[in-house]
Protein backbone atom coordinates (compact mmCIF):
# COMPACT_ATOMS: atom_id res chain seq x y z
CA MET A 1 -14.37 -15.66 -15.60
CA THR A 2 -16.76 -15.15 -18.50
CA PRO A 3 -16.55 -18.12 -21.06
CA LEU A 4 -15.04 -15.49 -23.58
CA GLN A 5 -11.99 -15.09 -20.55
CA ARG A 6 -11.25 -18.75 -20.74
CA ILE A 7 -11.18 -18.97 -24.38
CA ALA A 8 -9.08 -16.70 -24.59
CA ARG A 9 -6.93 -17.55 -22.20
CA ARG A 10 -6.22 -21.13 -24.23
CA LEU A 11 -5.23 -19.18 -27.18
CA GLY A 12 -2.52 -16.73 -24.74
CA TYR A 13 -4.85 -14.21 -24.14
CA ASP A 14 -5.90 -12.48 -20.59
CA LEU A 15 -8.94 -10.63 -20.61
CA ALA A 16 -9.65 -10.70 -16.83
CA PRO A 17 -10.36 -7.02 -15.92
CA ARG A 18 -7.39 -5.52 -14.61
CA ARG A 19 -9.00 -2.96 -11.61
CA THR A 20 -7.82 -4.29 -8.93
CA ALA A 21 -4.44 -4.23 -9.90
CA ARG A 22 -4.39 -0.95 -10.78
CA SER A 23 -6.40 0.71 -7.68
CA PRO A 24 -4.46 2.78 -5.10
CA ASP A 25 -4.58 0.45 -2.05
CA ALA A 26 -3.49 -2.40 -4.24
CA GLN A 27 -0.78 -0.43 -6.05
CA LEU A 28 0.06 0.17 -1.92
CA ALA A 29 0.42 -3.37 -1.48
CA ALA A 30 2.48 -3.52 -3.71
CA VAL A 31 5.09 -1.44 -2.02
CA LEU A 32 4.60 -3.00 1.14
CA GLU A 33 4.88 -6.74 -0.68
CA ARG A 34 7.86 -5.20 -2.49
CA PHE A 35 9.62 -4.30 0.70
CA SER A 36 8.86 -7.28 2.93
CA VAL A 37 7.20 -4.49 5.34
CA SER A 38 6.12 -6.93 8.13
CA CYS A 39 4.58 -4.17 10.93
CA VAL A 40 2.94 -0.91 10.46
CA LEU A 41 2.35 1.57 12.79
CA ASP A 42 -0.82 3.15 12.47
CA VAL A 43 -1.19 6.31 13.78
CA GLY A 44 -4.62 8.61 13.57
CA ALA A 45 -6.36 5.22 13.30
CA ASN A 46 -10.15 6.26 13.82
CA VAL A 47 -12.26 2.86 14.03
CA GLY A 48 -9.50 1.32 12.09
CA GLN A 49 -10.31 1.88 7.95
CA TYR A 50 -7.32 1.92 6.90
CA ALA A 51 -6.44 -1.70 8.62
CA LEU A 52 -9.36 -3.22 7.22
CA ARG A 53 -7.90 -2.11 3.79
CA LEU A 54 -4.58 -3.34 3.84
CA ARG A 55 -6.08 -6.68 4.80
CA ALA A 56 -8.23 -6.26 1.37
CA VAL A 57 -5.25 -6.19 -0.31
CA GLY A 58 -3.65 -9.07 1.19
CA TYR A 59 -1.02 -7.52 3.53
CA ALA A 60 -0.47 -10.10 6.43
CA GLY A 61 1.67 -8.70 8.67
CA ARG A 62 1.66 -6.90 11.84
CA ILE A 63 -0.64 -3.66 12.34
CA VAL A 64 -0.46 -1.35 15.51
CA SER A 65 -3.19 0.54 15.50
CA PHE A 66 -3.06 4.30 17.85
CA GLU A 67 -6.12 6.10 18.81
CA PRO A 68 -7.03 9.08 21.09
CA LEU A 69 -11.13 9.44 21.17
CA PRO A 70 -12.80 7.35 23.77
CA GLU A 71 -15.45 6.14 21.09
CA ALA A 72 -13.76 5.46 17.85
CA HIS A 73 -10.76 3.42 20.51
CA ALA A 74 -14.27 1.30 21.24
CA GLU A 75 -14.78 0.71 18.39
CA LEU A 76 -10.96 0.05 16.48
CA THR A 77 -10.69 -2.53 19.55
CA ARG A 78 -13.52 -4.65 18.54
CA ARG A 79 -12.98 -4.45 14.67
CA ALA A 80 -9.43 -5.84 15.83
CA ALA A 81 -10.90 -8.25 18.38
CA ALA A 82 -10.67 -10.59 16.05
CA ASP A 83 -6.99 -10.56 14.21
CA PRO A 84 -4.45 -11.84 15.89
CA ALA A 85 -2.27 -9.45 14.40
CA TRP A 86 -4.18 -6.58 14.82
CA GLN A 87 -3.71 -4.43 18.28
CA VAL A 88 -4.69 -1.54 19.15
CA ALA A 89 -2.48 0.60 21.61
CA PRO A 90 -3.88 1.90 24.78
CA ARG A 91 -6.07 5.14 24.04
CA MET A 92 -3.40 8.01 23.30
CA ALA A 93 -2.78 10.73 21.32
CA ILE A 94 1.36 10.35 19.19
CA GLY A 95 2.52 13.94 19.90
CA GLU A 96 6.19 15.24 20.22
CA ARG A 97 6.07 14.77 24.01
CA ASP A 98 4.46 12.76 26.96
CA GLY A 99 1.48 14.49 28.63
CA GLU A 100 -2.41 14.97 27.66
CA VAL A 101 -3.11 17.27 25.41
CA GLU A 102 -6.29 19.05 24.05
CA ILE A 103 -7.55 17.61 20.48
CA GLU A 104 -10.93 19.41 18.37
CA VAL A 105 -13.75 16.18 17.92
CA SER A 106 -15.96 17.01 14.58
CA ALA A 107 -18.87 15.99 13.95
CA GLU A 108 -16.94 13.08 11.46
CA SER A 109 -14.42 11.96 14.09
CA ASP A 110 -11.90 11.24 11.46
CA MET A 111 -11.80 15.03 10.66
CA SER A 112 -10.74 15.40 14.51
CA SER A 113 -7.43 17.03 15.21
CA ILE A 114 -5.43 18.72 17.78
CA LEU A 115 -4.91 21.45 15.40
CA PRO A 116 -8.06 23.93 15.03
CA GLN A 117 -9.70 23.75 11.37
CA SER A 118 -8.97 26.57 9.14
CA ALA A 119 -11.97 28.87 8.09
CA LEU A 120 -12.03 27.11 4.68
CA LEU A 121 -12.25 23.82 5.95
CA ARG A 122 -14.94 25.34 8.32
CA ARG A 123 -17.08 26.87 4.94
CA ILE A 124 -16.67 24.27 2.52
CA SER A 125 -17.35 20.99 5.10
CA PRO A 126 -19.67 22.26 7.70
CA THR A 127 -20.68 18.82 8.42
CA SER A 128 -17.12 18.24 10.17
CA ALA A 129 -18.23 21.46 12.61
CA VAL A 130 -16.35 21.09 16.55
CA ILE A 131 -18.94 19.49 18.42
CA ARG A 132 -16.77 20.08 21.93
CA ARG A 133 -12.81 19.83 22.78
CA GLU A 134 -11.22 16.97 25.21
CA ARG A 135 -8.30 15.82 26.89
CA VAL A 136 -6.62 13.22 25.78
CA PRO A 137 -2.77 11.30 26.68
CA VAL A 138 -0.02 11.87 24.53
CA ALA A 139 3.03 9.67 24.09
CA ARG A 140 6.24 9.85 22.22
CA LEU A 141 6.55 7.54 19.54
CA ASP A 142 10.04 6.39 20.23
CA GLU A 143 9.11 5.79 23.97
CA ILE A 144 5.90 3.31 23.50
CA ALA A 145 6.31 2.07 19.93
CA PRO A 146 8.99 -0.37 20.77
CA ALA A 147 6.44 -2.22 22.72
CA TRP A 148 5.42 -3.94 19.34
CA LEU A 149 8.76 -4.07 17.88
CA GLN A 150 10.42 -7.18 16.77
CA ARG A 151 14.30 -6.86 15.94
CA ASP A 152 14.24 -7.88 12.45
CA ASP A 153 10.90 -6.14 11.79
CA GLU A 154 10.40 -3.95 8.12
CA VAL A 155 8.52 -1.37 9.88
CA VAL A 156 5.48 1.49 7.84
CA LEU A 157 5.14 4.41 10.05
CA LYS A 158 1.03 5.50 8.64
CA ILE A 159 0.08 9.17 10.17
CA ASP A 160 -3.36 10.27 9.28
CA VAL A 161 -3.46 13.15 12.11
CA GLN A 162 -5.12 15.71 10.57
CA GLY A 163 -2.63 18.18 9.95
CA TYR A 164 -0.59 16.94 13.08
CA GLU A 165 1.90 14.80 11.36
CA PRO A 166 4.98 16.39 11.99
CA GLN A 167 4.85 16.25 15.84
CA VAL A 168 4.13 12.98 15.33
CA LEU A 169 7.11 12.51 13.24
CA GLU A 170 9.35 14.81 15.89
CA GLY A 171 7.86 12.41 18.65
CA ALA A 172 9.72 9.79 16.01
CA GLY A 173 13.22 11.04 17.39
CA ALA A 174 15.82 8.10 16.40
CA LEU A 175 13.00 5.55 15.98
CA LEU A 176 12.81 7.04 12.59
CA ARG A 177 16.50 6.42 10.88
CA THR A 178 14.51 2.94 11.63
CA LEU A 179 11.72 2.79 9.50
CA ARG A 180 11.47 1.03 6.22
CA GLY A 181 8.57 3.76 5.20
CA ILE A 182 6.13 6.41 5.91
CA GLN A 183 2.77 7.24 4.79
CA LEU A 184 1.12 10.51 5.65
CA GLU A 185 -1.52 13.06 4.77
CA MET A 186 -0.43 16.19 2.99
CA SER A 187 -1.83 19.39 2.10
CA MET A 188 -1.95 21.06 -0.60
CA VAL A 189 -4.54 23.35 0.78
CA PRO A 190 -4.48 23.99 4.28
CA CYS A 191 -7.15 22.65 6.06
CA TYR A 192 -5.75 23.23 9.87
CA GLU A 193 -4.26 26.64 10.90
CA GLY A 194 -0.30 26.04 10.70
CA GLU A 195 -0.13 22.08 9.38
CA ARG A 196 2.90 21.67 6.78
CA GLY A 197 2.54 22.27 3.45
CA PHE A 198 3.43 18.82 1.36
CA ARG A 199 6.32 20.68 -0.38
CA GLU A 200 7.63 20.81 2.54
CA THR A 201 6.90 17.34 4.20
CA ILE A 202 8.24 16.19 0.47
CA ASP A 203 12.05 18.43 1.44
CA TYR A 204 11.85 17.20 5.19
CA LEU A 205 11.79 13.84 4.30
CA GLU A 206 14.19 13.18 1.56
CA ALA A 207 16.47 15.22 4.17
CA ALA A 208 15.66 12.44 6.30
CA GLY A 209 16.95 9.63 3.41
CA PHE A 210 13.05 8.60 2.20
CA GLU A 211 12.04 8.52 -1.23
CA LEU A 212 8.59 9.36 -2.41
CA TYR A 213 7.47 6.04 -4.07
CA LEU A 214 3.65 6.34 -3.95
CA LEU A 215 1.11 9.09 -4.22
CA LEU A 216 -2.52 8.41 -3.42
CA PRO A 217 -5.47 10.37 -4.10
CA GLY A 218 -6.82 11.72 -0.33
CA TYR A 219 -9.30 14.85 0.40
CA PHE A 220 -10.96 16.15 -3.49
CA GLU A 221 -13.33 18.83 -2.98
CA ARG A 222 -15.97 19.17 -5.42
CA LYS A 223 -17.08 22.46 -4.35
CA LEU A 224 -13.99 23.72 -5.46
CA ALA A 225 -13.09 20.86 -7.67
CA ARG A 226 -9.81 20.58 -6.42
CA GLN A 227 -7.51 18.65 -4.78
CA LEU A 228 -6.79 19.20 -1.05
CA GLN A 229 -5.17 16.25 0.26
CA VAL A 230 -3.10 13.52 -0.59
CA ASP A 231 -1.12 10.75 0.64
CA GLY A 232 2.31 10.52 -0.28
CA VAL A 233 4.51 6.85 0.91
CA PHE A 234 7.75 7.67 1.15
CA VAL A 235 10.79 4.60 1.51
CA ARG A 236 13.87 4.38 2.85
CA PRO A 237 15.41 2.08 0.12
CA PRO A 238 17.85 0.13 1.80
CA ARG A 239 21.94 0.46 0.86
């Protein structure tokens, strides 16, 4: 605190910077706190970026991360090792069925997807080029998540799977009705073939009983001067 800020506080004013309180991550943390979220299911965790952001803004609840790619899963496991409230599931993708699925591995691993890249993404982001295809295990969330959940948990499902969100939601089955909230990427412009648009996503989740509480900035493409993706945070209000 600067001398001017100390003087102002004695006089009843607060000149402290407000940037942190207004940051998107801080807004997300406020939603989690408001609804006493005790567990976050982090689907498409990559190397743990999302979980680390939650910890940075003060979320202390349990996190369970899911990631299918071997290299990313190894780094994710390393990062979570020192945090007893952060668990990493065995390596797997989450989808609408159990078995195996082929994933297109991108040179930027967080852009890897089970869906093919769109022509637009290939054109504007050559650094995201597919470098190989790999078969990975896939499982339904409603069959595996209960092993990590407790009876009185308030659960948020976070999904970051590059267009495969509808399949993850389908595989959640009856678990969907028990969730307090869902955070997922929504496309304003298709980056992957066959992905659901943001209007359809909002309609789907509202029909399932969730309300849109927060929009967080996502992929902004400078070459197009256009927002391509945003994150929607949906909450099922208490009855």
